[in-house]
């Protein structure tokens, strides 16, 4: 990875919904699917660290595995973020995870499990977390919170989503 012109994985707009909108949309998804982790997501989108953009912004998102970022044996979150920053990539705003989850889900675009590279949100127990979107075996998607500690070790196969540029 030597170029700063990354292939765009997805484009998304933030700043179109409020935090209350996200809560309502996630609640509707929980009712529709019978998701059991509503309390975790509800707490996260109600957290002061979950902020939404006041203006509509289109983001070009890129996705790389830990190995593609230059860590064939895995790396800590801090090392992954530092390498991405060296490459000119930015962290995702907190609303990108729910925005991708609630938006159109194109299954042909390489979903598996993608962690949002972001400043962590504190879970109810105070543990720092990042959004993760995973493709469930039944073909649906789930939005969850995953480890966000800088010292957490991620295997080489994990994939992270970064902001490549603002359109």
N, C-alpha and C. Protein backbone atom coordinates (compact mmCIF):
# COMPACT_ATOMS: atom_id res chain seq x y z
N UNK A 1 0.84 -1.18 0.00
CA UNK A 1 0.00 0.00 0.00
C UNK A 1 0.88 1.24 0.00
N UNK A 2 1.12 1.75 -1.15
CA UNK A 2 1.95 2.94 -1.22
C UNK A 2 1.20 4.14 -1.77
N UNK A 3 0.08 3.92 -2.45
CA UNK A 3 -0.70 5.01 -3.02
C UNK A 3 -1.69 5.55 -2.01
N UNK A 4 -2.01 6.82 -2.15
CA UNK A 4 -3.05 7.40 -1.31
C UNK A 4 -4.38 7.46 -2.03
N UNK A 5 -4.49 6.79 -3.16
CA UNK A 5 -5.74 6.69 -3.90
C UNK A 5 -6.27 5.28 -3.70
N UNK A 6 -7.05 5.11 -2.64
CA UNK A 6 -7.52 3.79 -2.25
C UNK A 6 -8.77 3.41 -3.04
N UNK A 7 -8.92 2.13 -3.33
CA UNK A 7 -10.17 1.70 -3.96
C UNK A 7 -11.32 1.87 -2.96
N UNK A 8 -12.37 2.53 -3.39
CA UNK A 8 -13.51 2.79 -2.51
C UNK A 8 -14.29 1.50 -2.33
N UNK A 9 -14.51 1.14 -1.09
CA UNK A 9 -15.29 -0.06 -0.77
C UNK A 9 -16.78 0.28 -0.76
N UNK A 10 -17.13 1.34 -0.08
CA UNK A 10 -18.51 1.82 -0.02
C UNK A 10 -18.50 3.33 0.14
N UNK A 11 -19.56 3.95 -0.28
CA UNK A 11 -19.78 5.37 -0.05
C UNK A 11 -21.01 5.48 0.83
N UNK A 12 -20.94 6.33 1.85
CA UNK A 12 -22.10 6.52 2.72
C UNK A 12 -22.22 7.98 3.09
N UNK A 13 -23.43 8.38 3.42
CA UNK A 13 -23.67 9.75 3.88
C UNK A 13 -23.96 9.73 5.36
N UNK A 14 -23.29 10.62 6.07
CA UNK A 14 -23.59 10.81 7.48
C UNK A 14 -24.23 12.18 7.62
N UNK A 15 -24.80 12.43 8.79
CA UNK A 15 -25.44 13.72 9.02
C UNK A 15 -26.87 13.77 8.52
N UNK A 16 -27.41 12.61 8.16
CA UNK A 16 -28.78 12.57 7.66
C UNK A 16 -29.77 12.19 8.76
N UNK A 17 -29.27 11.58 9.84
CA UNK A 17 -30.13 11.17 10.95
C UNK A 17 -29.58 11.71 12.26
N UNK A 18 -30.46 11.91 13.22
CA UNK A 18 -30.05 12.31 14.57
C UNK A 18 -29.80 11.05 15.38
N UNK A 19 -29.23 11.22 16.57
CA UNK A 19 -29.02 10.07 17.46
C UNK A 19 -30.36 9.42 17.80
N UNK A 20 -31.40 10.23 17.99
CA UNK A 20 -32.74 9.68 18.27
C UNK A 20 -33.26 8.87 17.08
N UNK A 21 -32.98 9.34 15.86
CA UNK A 21 -33.38 8.58 14.67
C UNK A 21 -32.70 7.22 14.66
N UNK A 22 -31.40 7.19 14.96
CA UNK A 22 -30.68 5.92 14.99
C UNK A 22 -31.28 4.98 16.03
N UNK A 23 -31.60 5.52 17.20
CA UNK A 23 -32.22 4.68 18.24
C UNK A 23 -33.52 4.08 17.74
N UNK A 24 -34.36 4.89 17.12
CA UNK A 24 -35.65 4.41 16.63
C UNK A 24 -35.47 3.37 15.51
N UNK A 25 -34.55 3.62 14.60
CA UNK A 25 -34.32 2.68 13.50
C UNK A 25 -33.74 1.36 14.01
N UNK A 26 -32.83 1.44 14.97
CA UNK A 26 -32.28 0.21 15.54
C UNK A 26 -33.33 -0.55 16.33
N UNK A 27 -34.22 0.17 17.01
CA UNK A 27 -35.31 -0.49 17.73
C UNK A 27 -36.24 -1.19 16.74
N UNK A 28 -36.56 -0.55 15.61
CA UNK A 28 -37.41 -1.18 14.60
C UNK A 28 -36.74 -2.43 14.04
N UNK A 29 -35.42 -2.38 13.86
CA UNK A 29 -34.69 -3.56 13.40
C UNK A 29 -34.75 -4.67 14.44
N UNK A 30 -34.65 -4.32 15.71
CA UNK A 30 -34.71 -5.33 16.78
C UNK A 30 -36.07 -6.01 16.77
N UNK A 31 -37.11 -5.24 16.64
CA UNK A 31 -38.46 -5.80 16.63
C UNK A 31 -38.64 -6.72 15.41
N UNK A 32 -38.16 -6.26 14.27
CA UNK A 32 -38.29 -7.04 13.03
C UNK A 32 -37.55 -8.37 13.12
N UNK A 33 -36.33 -8.36 13.66
CA UNK A 33 -35.50 -9.56 13.67
C UNK A 33 -35.50 -10.30 14.99
N UNK A 34 -36.04 -9.68 16.02
CA UNK A 34 -35.98 -10.32 17.33
C UNK A 34 -34.57 -10.30 17.90
N UNK A 35 -33.76 -9.32 17.52
CA UNK A 35 -32.38 -9.24 18.01
C UNK A 35 -32.37 -9.10 19.52
N UNK A 36 -31.46 -9.82 20.15
CA UNK A 36 -31.42 -9.83 21.61
C UNK A 36 -30.43 -8.85 22.21
N UNK A 37 -29.58 -8.28 21.40
CA UNK A 37 -28.55 -7.39 21.96
C UNK A 37 -28.96 -5.92 21.87
N UNK A 38 -30.25 -5.65 21.84
CA UNK A 38 -30.74 -4.29 21.74
C UNK A 38 -30.17 -3.40 22.83
N UNK A 39 -30.10 -3.89 24.06
CA UNK A 39 -29.61 -3.07 25.16
C UNK A 39 -28.21 -2.55 24.92
N UNK A 40 -27.36 -3.36 24.33
CA UNK A 40 -25.98 -2.95 24.03
C UNK A 40 -25.98 -1.84 23.00
N UNK A 41 -26.72 -2.03 21.92
CA UNK A 41 -26.76 -1.01 20.86
C UNK A 41 -27.44 0.26 21.36
N UNK A 42 -28.54 0.10 22.10
CA UNK A 42 -29.26 1.25 22.62
C UNK A 42 -28.37 2.08 23.53
N UNK A 43 -27.63 1.42 24.41
CA UNK A 43 -26.73 2.13 25.31
C UNK A 43 -25.66 2.87 24.49
N UNK A 44 -25.13 2.20 23.47
CA UNK A 44 -24.06 2.81 22.66
C UNK A 44 -24.53 4.05 21.92
N UNK A 45 -25.71 4.01 21.31
CA UNK A 45 -26.19 5.18 20.57
C UNK A 45 -26.73 6.26 21.51
N UNK A 46 -26.92 5.92 22.77
CA UNK A 46 -27.33 6.91 23.77
C UNK A 46 -26.13 7.50 24.50
N UNK A 47 -24.96 6.94 24.28
CA UNK A 47 -23.74 7.37 24.96
C UNK A 47 -23.31 8.77 24.48
N UNK A 48 -22.75 9.58 25.38
CA UNK A 48 -22.25 10.89 24.95
C UNK A 48 -21.15 10.79 23.89
N UNK A 49 -20.46 9.64 23.82
CA UNK A 49 -19.39 9.49 22.82
C UNK A 49 -19.94 9.12 21.44
N UNK A 50 -21.25 8.84 21.36
CA UNK A 50 -21.88 8.60 20.06
C UNK A 50 -22.38 9.94 19.54
N UNK A 51 -21.64 10.51 18.62
CA UNK A 51 -22.01 11.80 18.06
C UNK A 51 -22.42 11.63 16.60
N UNK A 52 -23.24 12.54 16.13
CA UNK A 52 -23.65 12.54 14.74
C UNK A 52 -23.28 13.88 14.13
N UNK A 53 -23.02 13.86 12.86
CA UNK A 53 -22.65 15.08 12.15
C UNK A 53 -23.87 16.00 12.04
N UNK A 54 -23.65 17.28 12.22
CA UNK A 54 -24.73 18.27 12.09
C UNK A 54 -24.99 18.62 10.63
N UNK A 55 -24.05 18.26 9.76
CA UNK A 55 -24.23 18.52 8.33
C UNK A 55 -24.08 17.20 7.56
N UNK A 56 -24.74 17.14 6.42
CA UNK A 56 -24.66 15.94 5.59
C UNK A 56 -23.30 15.89 4.90
N UNK A 57 -22.61 14.78 5.06
CA UNK A 57 -21.28 14.60 4.48
C UNK A 57 -21.23 13.22 3.83
N UNK A 58 -20.71 13.16 2.62
CA UNK A 58 -20.53 11.87 1.95
C UNK A 58 -19.09 11.41 2.19
N UNK A 59 -18.96 10.19 2.69
CA UNK A 59 -17.65 9.61 2.98
C UNK A 59 -17.35 8.47 2.03
N UNK A 60 -16.12 8.43 1.56
CA UNK A 60 -15.65 7.29 0.77
C UNK A 60 -14.89 6.38 1.73
N UNK A 61 -15.43 5.20 1.91
CA UNK A 61 -14.88 4.26 2.87
C UNK A 61 -14.01 3.22 2.17
N UNK A 62 -12.95 2.84 2.85
CA UNK A 62 -12.06 1.79 2.37
C UNK A 62 -12.00 0.71 3.44
N UNK A 63 -11.72 -0.51 3.01
CA UNK A 63 -11.67 -1.63 3.95
C UNK A 63 -10.40 -2.43 3.68
N UNK A 64 -9.65 -2.68 4.76
CA UNK A 64 -8.42 -3.44 4.66
C UNK A 64 -8.35 -4.48 5.77
N UNK A 65 -7.78 -5.62 5.46
CA UNK A 65 -7.51 -6.59 6.52
C UNK A 65 -6.26 -6.12 7.26
N UNK A 66 -6.09 -6.65 8.44
CA UNK A 66 -4.90 -6.33 9.23
C UNK A 66 -3.65 -6.73 8.43
N UNK A 67 -3.70 -7.86 7.74
CA UNK A 67 -2.56 -8.29 6.92
C UNK A 67 -2.29 -7.30 5.79
N UNK A 68 -3.35 -6.80 5.15
CA UNK A 68 -3.17 -5.83 4.05
C UNK A 68 -2.57 -4.53 4.55
N UNK A 69 -2.75 -4.23 5.82
CA UNK A 69 -2.14 -3.03 6.40
C UNK A 69 -0.68 -3.26 6.76
N UNK A 70 -0.18 -4.45 6.51
CA UNK A 70 1.23 -4.75 6.72
C UNK A 70 1.54 -5.56 7.97
N UNK A 71 0.52 -6.22 8.52
CA UNK A 71 0.71 -7.02 9.72
C UNK A 71 0.28 -8.46 9.46
N UNK A 72 1.14 -9.26 8.81
CA UNK A 72 0.75 -10.63 8.46
C UNK A 72 0.52 -11.55 9.66
N UNK A 73 0.99 -11.17 10.82
CA UNK A 73 0.78 -11.99 12.02
C UNK A 73 -0.20 -11.34 13.00
N UNK A 74 -0.86 -10.26 12.57
CA UNK A 74 -1.78 -9.54 13.43
C UNK A 74 -1.12 -8.36 14.10
N UNK A 75 -1.91 -7.56 14.80
CA UNK A 75 -1.38 -6.36 15.45
C UNK A 75 -2.38 -5.84 16.47
N UNK A 76 -1.93 -4.95 17.32
CA UNK A 76 -2.83 -4.31 18.27
C UNK A 76 -3.63 -3.21 17.56
N UNK A 77 -4.73 -2.83 18.18
CA UNK A 77 -5.53 -1.74 17.63
C UNK A 77 -4.71 -0.48 17.45
N UNK A 78 -3.86 -0.18 18.43
CA UNK A 78 -3.03 1.03 18.35
C UNK A 78 -2.10 0.98 17.14
N UNK A 79 -1.50 -0.19 16.88
CA UNK A 79 -0.60 -0.33 15.73
C UNK A 79 -1.37 -0.22 14.41
N UNK A 80 -2.55 -0.81 14.37
CA UNK A 80 -3.38 -0.75 13.16
C UNK A 80 -3.75 0.69 12.84
N UNK A 81 -4.22 1.41 13.85
CA UNK A 81 -4.61 2.81 13.64
C UNK A 81 -3.42 3.68 13.25
N UNK A 82 -2.27 3.44 13.88
CA UNK A 82 -1.06 4.23 13.55
C UNK A 82 -0.64 3.98 12.10
N UNK A 83 -0.67 2.73 11.67
CA UNK A 83 -0.29 2.42 10.28
C UNK A 83 -1.26 3.06 9.30
N UNK A 84 -2.53 3.00 9.60
CA UNK A 84 -3.53 3.61 8.72
C UNK A 84 -3.31 5.12 8.62
N UNK A 85 -3.01 5.74 9.75
CA UNK A 85 -2.76 7.19 9.75
C UNK A 85 -1.55 7.51 8.89
N UNK A 86 -0.50 6.69 8.99
CA UNK A 86 0.70 6.88 8.16
C UNK A 86 0.35 6.82 6.67
N UNK A 87 -0.66 6.02 6.34
CA UNK A 87 -1.07 5.84 4.95
C UNK A 87 -2.08 6.89 4.49
N UNK A 88 -2.43 7.83 5.36
CA UNK A 88 -3.35 8.89 4.98
C UNK A 88 -4.81 8.56 5.18
N UNK A 89 -5.11 7.50 5.94
CA UNK A 89 -6.49 7.13 6.21
C UNK A 89 -6.96 7.77 7.50
N UNK A 90 -8.25 8.00 7.60
CA UNK A 90 -8.85 8.61 8.79
C UNK A 90 -9.76 7.63 9.50
N UNK A 91 -10.00 7.88 10.77
CA UNK A 91 -10.95 7.08 11.53
C UNK A 91 -12.37 7.44 11.12
N UNK A 92 -13.26 6.49 11.28
CA UNK A 92 -14.67 6.71 10.97
C UNK A 92 -15.34 7.49 12.09
N UNK A 93 -16.25 8.39 11.77
CA UNK A 93 -17.09 8.99 12.81
C UNK A 93 -17.95 7.89 13.44
N UNK A 94 -18.39 8.07 14.68
CA UNK A 94 -19.14 7.02 15.38
C UNK A 94 -20.42 6.57 14.67
N UNK A 95 -21.04 7.42 13.87
CA UNK A 95 -22.30 7.05 13.24
C UNK A 95 -22.14 6.17 12.00
N UNK A 96 -20.90 5.95 11.54
CA UNK A 96 -20.71 5.16 10.32
C UNK A 96 -21.21 3.72 10.49
N UNK A 97 -20.93 3.09 11.63
CA UNK A 97 -21.38 1.71 11.84
C UNK A 97 -22.88 1.56 11.70
N UNK A 98 -23.67 2.28 12.51
CA UNK A 98 -25.12 2.17 12.37
C UNK A 98 -25.63 2.63 11.00
N UNK A 99 -24.98 3.63 10.42
CA UNK A 99 -25.38 4.12 9.11
C UNK A 99 -25.23 3.03 8.05
N UNK A 100 -24.11 2.32 8.06
CA UNK A 100 -23.90 1.22 7.11
C UNK A 100 -24.88 0.09 7.38
N UNK A 101 -25.09 -0.22 8.65
CA UNK A 101 -25.98 -1.31 9.02
C UNK A 101 -27.42 -1.04 8.59
N UNK A 102 -27.86 0.19 8.79
CA UNK A 102 -29.25 0.53 8.50
C UNK A 102 -29.49 0.90 7.04
N UNK A 103 -28.41 1.21 6.33
CA UNK A 103 -28.55 1.59 4.93
C UNK A 103 -28.68 0.38 4.03
N UNK A 104 -28.67 0.60 2.72
CA UNK A 104 -28.76 -0.51 1.77
C UNK A 104 -27.62 -1.49 2.00
N UNK A 105 -27.93 -2.76 2.06
CA UNK A 105 -26.91 -3.77 2.32
C UNK A 105 -26.68 -4.60 1.06
N UNK A 106 -25.64 -4.23 0.34
CA UNK A 106 -25.30 -4.90 -0.90
C UNK A 106 -24.41 -6.09 -0.58
N UNK A 107 -24.97 -7.28 -0.62
CA UNK A 107 -24.22 -8.48 -0.24
C UNK A 107 -23.12 -8.83 -1.24
N UNK A 108 -23.10 -8.19 -2.39
CA UNK A 108 -22.07 -8.49 -3.38
C UNK A 108 -20.80 -7.67 -3.17
N UNK A 109 -20.78 -6.83 -2.17
CA UNK A 109 -19.65 -5.92 -2.00
C UNK A 109 -18.61 -6.40 -0.99
N UNK A 110 -18.59 -7.68 -0.67
CA UNK A 110 -17.52 -8.22 0.14
C UNK A 110 -17.69 -8.09 1.64
N UNK A 111 -18.92 -8.19 2.12
CA UNK A 111 -19.12 -8.18 3.57
C UNK A 111 -18.64 -9.50 4.15
N UNK A 112 -18.06 -9.46 5.28
CA UNK A 112 -17.82 -10.64 6.10
C UNK A 112 -17.98 -10.16 7.52
N UNK A 113 -16.92 -9.65 8.08
CA UNK A 113 -17.03 -8.94 9.34
C UNK A 113 -16.12 -7.74 9.21
N UNK A 114 -16.66 -6.59 9.47
CA UNK A 114 -15.89 -5.37 9.31
C UNK A 114 -15.99 -4.56 10.59
N UNK A 115 -14.84 -4.20 11.13
CA UNK A 115 -14.76 -3.34 12.31
C UNK A 115 -14.64 -1.90 11.83
N UNK A 116 -15.35 -1.00 12.50
CA UNK A 116 -15.21 0.40 12.17
C UNK A 116 -13.99 0.93 12.92
N UNK A 117 -13.01 1.41 12.19
CA UNK A 117 -11.85 2.04 12.82
C UNK A 117 -12.33 3.40 13.31
N UNK A 118 -12.43 3.55 14.63
CA UNK A 118 -13.05 4.73 15.21
C UNK A 118 -12.56 4.95 16.62
N UNK A 119 -12.82 6.14 17.13
CA UNK A 119 -12.60 6.37 18.56
C UNK A 119 -13.62 5.51 19.29
N UNK A 120 -13.20 4.77 20.30
CA UNK A 120 -14.14 3.86 20.96
C UNK A 120 -15.30 4.55 21.65
N UNK A 121 -16.40 3.81 21.71
CA UNK A 121 -17.57 4.17 22.49
C UNK A 121 -17.49 3.34 23.76
N UNK A 122 -17.83 3.92 24.88
CA UNK A 122 -17.81 3.16 26.14
C UNK A 122 -19.09 2.34 26.26
N UNK A 123 -18.94 1.05 26.48
CA UNK A 123 -20.09 0.18 26.73
C UNK A 123 -20.59 0.42 28.14
N UNK A 124 -21.70 -0.18 28.47
CA UNK A 124 -22.33 0.01 29.77
C UNK A 124 -21.37 -0.29 30.92
N UNK A 125 -20.50 -1.28 30.73
CA UNK A 125 -19.55 -1.65 31.78
C UNK A 125 -18.26 -0.82 31.73
N UNK A 126 -18.24 0.20 30.87
CA UNK A 126 -17.08 1.09 30.78
C UNK A 126 -16.01 0.62 29.81
N UNK A 127 -16.17 -0.56 29.23
CA UNK A 127 -15.17 -1.10 28.30
C UNK A 127 -15.25 -0.34 26.97
N UNK A 128 -14.10 0.08 26.43
CA UNK A 128 -14.11 0.77 25.14
C UNK A 128 -14.44 -0.21 24.01
N UNK A 129 -15.34 0.19 23.12
CA UNK A 129 -15.79 -0.68 22.04
C UNK A 129 -15.86 0.07 20.72
N UNK A 130 -15.77 -0.69 19.64
CA UNK A 130 -15.98 -0.15 18.29
C UNK A 130 -17.12 -0.94 17.65
N UNK A 131 -17.78 -0.33 16.68
CA UNK A 131 -18.84 -1.02 15.96
C UNK A 131 -18.25 -2.11 15.08
N UNK A 132 -18.94 -3.22 15.00
CA UNK A 132 -18.61 -4.28 14.07
C UNK A 132 -19.87 -4.70 13.33
N UNK A 133 -19.76 -4.90 12.05
CA UNK A 133 -20.89 -5.40 11.26
C UNK A 133 -20.49 -6.78 10.75
N UNK A 134 -21.33 -7.74 11.02
CA UNK A 134 -21.01 -9.08 10.55
C UNK A 134 -22.13 -9.66 9.72
N UNK A 135 -21.72 -10.47 8.76
CA UNK A 135 -22.64 -11.17 7.89
C UNK A 135 -22.96 -12.48 8.58
N UNK A 136 -24.21 -12.63 9.02
CA UNK A 136 -24.61 -13.84 9.72
C UNK A 136 -24.81 -14.98 8.72
N UNK A 137 -24.79 -16.19 9.24
CA UNK A 137 -24.91 -17.36 8.37
C UNK A 137 -26.24 -17.43 7.63
N UNK A 138 -27.29 -16.86 8.18
CA UNK A 138 -28.58 -16.88 7.51
C UNK A 138 -28.67 -15.84 6.40
N UNK A 139 -27.62 -15.11 6.15
CA UNK A 139 -27.61 -14.12 5.09
C UNK A 139 -27.96 -12.72 5.53
N UNK A 140 -28.29 -12.53 6.80
CA UNK A 140 -28.59 -11.20 7.31
C UNK A 140 -27.34 -10.56 7.89
N UNK A 141 -27.50 -9.36 8.38
CA UNK A 141 -26.39 -8.64 8.96
C UNK A 141 -26.69 -8.33 10.41
N UNK A 142 -25.66 -8.14 11.19
CA UNK A 142 -25.84 -7.75 12.58
C UNK A 142 -24.85 -6.64 12.90
N UNK A 143 -25.28 -5.75 13.75
CA UNK A 143 -24.45 -4.66 14.24
C UNK A 143 -24.14 -4.96 15.69
N UNK A 144 -22.88 -4.97 16.02
CA UNK A 144 -22.49 -5.31 17.38
C UNK A 144 -21.37 -4.39 17.83
N UNK A 145 -21.01 -4.50 19.08
CA UNK A 145 -19.85 -3.78 19.61
C UNK A 145 -18.74 -4.78 19.87
N UNK A 146 -17.53 -4.42 19.48
CA UNK A 146 -16.37 -5.29 19.62
C UNK A 146 -15.28 -4.56 20.40
N UNK A 147 -14.23 -5.27 20.75
CA UNK A 147 -13.13 -4.71 21.53
C UNK A 147 -12.61 -3.41 20.92
N UNK A 148 -12.45 -2.40 21.74
CA UNK A 148 -11.92 -1.13 21.26
C UNK A 148 -10.69 -0.68 22.03
N UNK A 149 -10.16 -1.56 22.88
CA UNK A 149 -8.95 -1.20 23.63
C UNK A 149 -7.77 -1.12 22.67
N UNK A 150 -6.91 -0.12 22.83
CA UNK A 150 -5.77 0.02 21.92
C UNK A 150 -4.82 -1.17 21.99
N UNK A 151 -4.79 -1.88 23.13
CA UNK A 151 -3.86 -3.00 23.28
C UNK A 151 -4.47 -4.34 22.87
N UNK A 152 -5.74 -4.34 22.42
CA UNK A 152 -6.36 -5.59 21.99
C UNK A 152 -5.68 -6.07 20.72
N UNK A 153 -5.33 -7.36 20.68
CA UNK A 153 -4.63 -7.92 19.53
C UNK A 153 -5.64 -8.48 18.53
N UNK A 154 -5.53 -8.00 17.28
CA UNK A 154 -6.39 -8.43 16.19
C UNK A 154 -5.62 -9.36 15.26
N UNK A 155 -6.20 -10.50 14.93
CA UNK A 155 -5.58 -11.42 13.98
C UNK A 155 -5.50 -10.81 12.60
N UNK A 156 -4.65 -11.39 11.77
CA UNK A 156 -4.39 -10.83 10.44
C UNK A 156 -5.60 -10.84 9.52
N UNK A 157 -6.60 -11.68 9.78
CA UNK A 157 -7.76 -11.78 8.90
C UNK A 157 -8.85 -10.75 9.19
N UNK A 158 -8.80 -10.08 10.34
CA UNK A 158 -9.83 -9.09 10.66
C UNK A 158 -9.76 -7.93 9.68
N UNK A 159 -10.92 -7.36 9.36
CA UNK A 159 -10.99 -6.26 8.42
C UNK A 159 -11.48 -5.00 9.13
N UNK A 160 -10.87 -3.88 8.76
CA UNK A 160 -11.22 -2.59 9.34
C UNK A 160 -11.64 -1.62 8.24
N UNK A 161 -12.63 -0.81 8.57
CA UNK A 161 -13.14 0.20 7.65
C UNK A 161 -12.60 1.56 8.11
N UNK A 162 -12.05 2.30 7.17
CA UNK A 162 -11.51 3.64 7.41
C UNK A 162 -12.15 4.61 6.43
N UNK A 163 -12.01 5.88 6.72
CA UNK A 163 -12.42 6.92 5.77
C UNK A 163 -11.23 7.18 4.87
N UNK A 164 -11.43 6.93 3.56
CA UNK A 164 -10.38 7.19 2.58
C UNK A 164 -10.37 8.65 2.17
N UNK A 165 -11.57 9.23 2.03
CA UNK A 165 -11.68 10.64 1.70
C UNK A 165 -13.13 11.10 1.89
N UNK A 166 -13.28 12.40 1.92
CA UNK A 166 -14.61 13.01 1.99
C UNK A 166 -14.92 13.48 0.58
N UNK A 167 -16.09 13.06 0.08
CA UNK A 167 -16.46 13.42 -1.31
C UNK A 167 -16.81 14.89 -1.41
